[in-house]
């Protein structure tokens, strides 16, 4: 089981929230890519918190590592929803680009 703080955040979620791309890379390398779907107490993944912080480089990295863009949190919101609501256009562009890529490779 992953070690979490009182808010349910793992080390990966904390790194994604801070926008530390280097830390996210190291954590996934050490802990394995399965931790990419870990959730905090609000049901948010690293992709959610990176998007909410406007950290496009981290969002792109997580999507390249197959983070699930369709995961909803406890408020029934996806990372895309937060990018749209908060008008985080760069994050929206990255998420749309990855969705298009996946659709074209998996028709």
C-alpha atoms as a PDB file:
ATOM      1  CA  UNK A   1       0.000   0.000   0.000  1.00  0.00           C
ATOM      2  CA  UNK A   2       1.161   3.522  -0.786  1.00  0.00           C
ATOM      3  CA  UNK A   3       2.190   5.877   2.000  1.00  0.00           C
ATOM      4  CA  UNK A   4      -0.210   8.823   2.189  1.00  0.00           C
ATOM      5  CA  UNK A   5      -0.460  12.043   4.197  1.00  0.00           C
ATOM      6  CA  UNK A   6      -3.581  13.096   6.130  1.00  0.00           C
ATOM      7  CA  UNK A   7      -5.147  14.380   2.886  1.00  0.00           C
ATOM      8  CA  UNK A   8      -4.519  11.020   1.227  1.00  0.00           C
ATOM      9  CA  UNK A   9      -1.776  12.359  -1.034  1.00  0.00           C
ATOM     10  CA  UNK A  10       1.056  10.079  -2.099  1.00  0.00           C
ATOM     11  CA  UNK A  11       4.517  11.386  -2.943  1.00  0.00           C
ATOM     12  CA  UNK A  12       3.536  11.369  -6.634  1.00  0.00           C
ATOM     13  CA  UNK A  13       0.408  13.435  -5.989  1.00  0.00           C
ATOM     14  CA  UNK A  14       2.430  15.952  -3.956  1.00  0.00           C
ATOM     15  CA  UNK A  15       5.068  16.228  -6.710  1.00  0.00           C
ATOM     16  CA  UNK A  16       2.390  16.631  -9.404  1.00  0.00           C
ATOM     17  CA  UNK A  17       0.613  19.288  -7.341  1.00  0.00           C
ATOM     18  CA  UNK A  18       3.880  21.254  -7.034  1.00  0.00           C
ATOM     19  CA  UNK A  19       4.592  20.844 -10.739  1.00  0.00           C
ATOM     20  CA  UNK A  20       7.880  19.008 -10.230  1.00  0.00           C
ATOM     21  CA  UNK A  21       8.371  17.082 -13.460  1.00  0.00           C
ATOM     22  CA  UNK A  22      11.752  15.720 -12.363  1.00  0.00           C
ATOM     23  CA  UNK A  23      10.304  14.367  -9.115  1.00  0.00           C
ATOM     24  CA  UNK A  24       7.382  12.758 -10.957  1.00  0.00           C
ATOM     25  CA  UNK A  25       9.799  10.986 -13.308  1.00  0.00           C
ATOM     26  CA  UNK A  26      11.940   9.678 -10.444  1.00  0.00           C
ATOM     27  CA  UNK A  27       8.922   8.546  -8.409  1.00  0.00           C
ATOM     28  CA  UNK A  28       7.408   6.602 -11.313  1.00  0.00           C
ATOM     29  CA  UNK A  29      10.790   5.066 -12.064  1.00  0.00           C
ATOM     30  CA  UNK A  30      11.186   3.862  -8.471  1.00  0.00           C
ATOM     31  CA  UNK A  31       7.583   3.089  -7.480  1.00  0.00           C
ATOM     32  CA  UNK A  32       6.372   1.802 -10.841  1.00  0.00           C
ATOM     33  CA  UNK A  33       3.773   3.176 -13.197  1.00  0.00           C
ATOM     34  CA  UNK A  34       0.845   1.542 -11.373  1.00  0.00           C
ATOM     35  CA  UNK A  35       0.988   4.339  -8.766  1.00  0.00           C
ATOM     36  CA  UNK A  36      -0.108   6.807 -11.451  1.00  0.00           C
ATOM     37  CA  UNK A  37      -3.759   6.017 -10.643  1.00  0.00           C
ATOM     38  CA  UNK A  38      -3.476   6.467  -6.841  1.00  0.00           C
ATOM     39  CA  UNK A  39      -6.116   8.842  -5.464  1.00  0.00           C
ATOM     40  CA  UNK A  40      -6.222  11.264  -2.547  1.00  0.00           C
ATOM     41  CA  UNK A  41      -9.136  11.651  -0.098  1.00  0.00           C
ATOM     42  CA  UNK A  42     -11.013  13.737  -2.684  1.00  0.00           C
ATOM     43  CA  UNK A  43     -10.618  11.024  -5.320  1.00  0.00           C
ATOM     44  CA  UNK A  44      -8.089  13.023  -7.321  1.00  0.00           C
ATOM     45  CA  UNK A  45      -5.199  11.478  -9.217  1.00  0.00           C
ATOM     46  CA  UNK A  46      -1.834  13.034 -10.038  1.00  0.00           C
ATOM     47  CA  UNK A  47      -3.351  14.070 -13.377  1.00  0.00           C
ATOM     48  CA  UNK A  48      -6.152  15.958 -11.597  1.00  0.00           C
ATOM     49  CA  UNK A  49      -3.828  17.899  -9.290  1.00  0.00           C
ATOM     50  CA  UNK A  50      -1.242  18.655 -11.989  1.00  0.00           C
ATOM     51  CA  UNK A  51      -4.018  19.991 -14.220  1.00  0.00           C
ATOM     52  CA  UNK A  52      -5.561  22.050 -11.412  1.00  0.00           C
ATOM     53  CA  UNK A  53      -2.158  23.645 -10.823  1.00  0.00           C
ATOM     54  CA  UNK A  54      -1.739  24.433 -14.519  1.00  0.00           C
ATOM     55  CA  UNK A  55       1.409  22.296 -14.748  1.00  0.00           C
ATOM     56  CA  UNK A  56       1.231  21.405 -18.438  1.00  0.00           C
ATOM     57  CA  UNK A  57       4.613  19.687 -18.584  1.00  0.00           C
ATOM     58  CA  UNK A  58       3.586  17.331 -15.765  1.00  0.00           C
ATOM     59  CA  UNK A  59       0.162  16.765 -17.367  1.00  0.00           C
ATOM     60  CA  UNK A  60       1.875  15.825 -20.632  1.00  0.00           C
ATOM     61  CA  UNK A  61       4.295  13.469 -18.865  1.00  0.00           C
ATOM     62  CA  UNK A  62       1.506  11.714 -16.929  1.00  0.00           C
ATOM     63  CA  UNK A  63      -0.533  11.254 -20.101  1.00  0.00           C
ATOM     64  CA  UNK A  64       2.530   9.837 -21.877  1.00  0.00           C
ATOM     65  CA  UNK A  65       2.714   7.336 -19.008  1.00  0.00           C
ATOM     66  CA  UNK A  66      -0.922   6.369 -19.680  1.00  0.00           C
ATOM     67  CA  UNK A  67      -2.665   8.260 -16.890  1.00  0.00           C
ATOM     68  CA  UNK A  68      -6.407   7.759 -17.357  1.00  0.00           C
ATOM     69  CA  UNK A  69      -7.951  11.048 -18.455  1.00  0.00           C
ATOM     70  CA  UNK A  70     -11.470   9.718 -17.762  1.00  0.00           C
ATOM     71  CA  UNK A  71     -11.077   9.194 -13.998  1.00  0.00           C
ATOM     72  CA  UNK A  72     -13.572  11.257 -12.001  1.00  0.00           C
ATOM     73  CA  UNK A  73     -12.975  12.557  -8.490  1.00  0.00           C
ATOM     74  CA  UNK A  74     -15.473  12.694  -5.604  1.00  0.00           C
ATOM     75  CA  UNK A  75     -17.062  15.727  -7.293  1.00  0.00           C
ATOM     76  CA  UNK A  76     -17.585  13.764 -10.531  1.00  0.00           C
ATOM     77  CA  UNK A  77     -14.968  15.899 -12.327  1.00  0.00           C
ATOM     78  CA  UNK A  78     -12.169  14.797 -14.648  1.00  0.00           C
ATOM     79  CA  UNK A  79      -8.855  16.565 -15.191  1.00  0.00           C
ATOM     80  CA  UNK A  80     -10.369  17.955 -18.410  1.00  0.00           C
ATOM     81  CA  UNK A  81     -13.259  19.447 -16.408  1.00  0.00           C
ATOM     82  CA  UNK A  82     -10.829  21.327 -14.155  1.00  0.00           C
ATOM     83  CA  UNK A  83      -8.791  22.554 -17.137  1.00  0.00           C
ATOM     84  CA  UNK A  84     -11.985  23.862 -18.745  1.00  0.00           C
ATOM     85  CA  UNK A  85     -13.520  25.405 -15.603  1.00  0.00           C
ATOM     86  CA  UNK A  86     -10.272  27.138 -14.614  1.00  0.00           C
ATOM     87  CA  UNK A  87      -9.555  28.242 -18.196  1.00  0.00           C
ATOM     88  CA  UNK A  88      -6.193  26.463 -18.238  1.00  0.00           C
ATOM     89  CA  UNK A  89      -5.858  26.543 -22.012  1.00  0.00           C
ATOM     90  CA  UNK A  90      -2.415  24.928 -22.224  1.00  0.00           C
ATOM     91  CA  UNK A  91      -3.596  21.965 -20.140  1.00  0.00           C
ATOM     92  CA  UNK A  92      -6.748  21.729 -22.277  1.00  0.00           C
ATOM     93  CA  UNK A  93      -4.627  21.625 -25.423  1.00  0.00           C
ATOM     94  CA  UNK A  94      -2.394  18.871 -24.025  1.00  0.00           C
ATOM     95  CA  UNK A  95      -5.326  16.724 -22.886  1.00  0.00           C
ATOM     96  CA  UNK A  96      -7.143  17.145 -26.228  1.00  0.00           C
ATOM     97  CA  UNK A  97      -3.973  16.286 -28.125  1.00  0.00           C
ATOM     98  CA  UNK A  98      -3.484  13.067 -26.153  1.00  0.00           C
ATOM     99  CA  UNK A  99      -7.133  12.088 -26.585  1.00  0.00           C
ATOM    100  CA  UNK A 100      -6.896  12.610 -30.350  1.00  0.00           C
ATOM    101  CA  UNK A 101      -3.687  10.569 -30.484  1.00  0.00           C
ATOM    102  CA  UNK A 102      -5.277   7.685 -28.600  1.00  0.00           C
ATOM    103  CA  UNK A 103      -8.370   7.771 -30.810  1.00  0.00           C
ATOM    104  CA  UNK A 104      -6.290   7.665 -33.983  1.00  0.00           C
ATOM    105  CA  UNK A 105      -4.172   4.736 -32.753  1.00  0.00           C
ATOM    106  CA  UNK A 106      -7.173   2.825 -31.303  1.00  0.00           C
ATOM    107  CA  UNK A 107     -10.030   3.366 -33.786  1.00  0.00           C
END
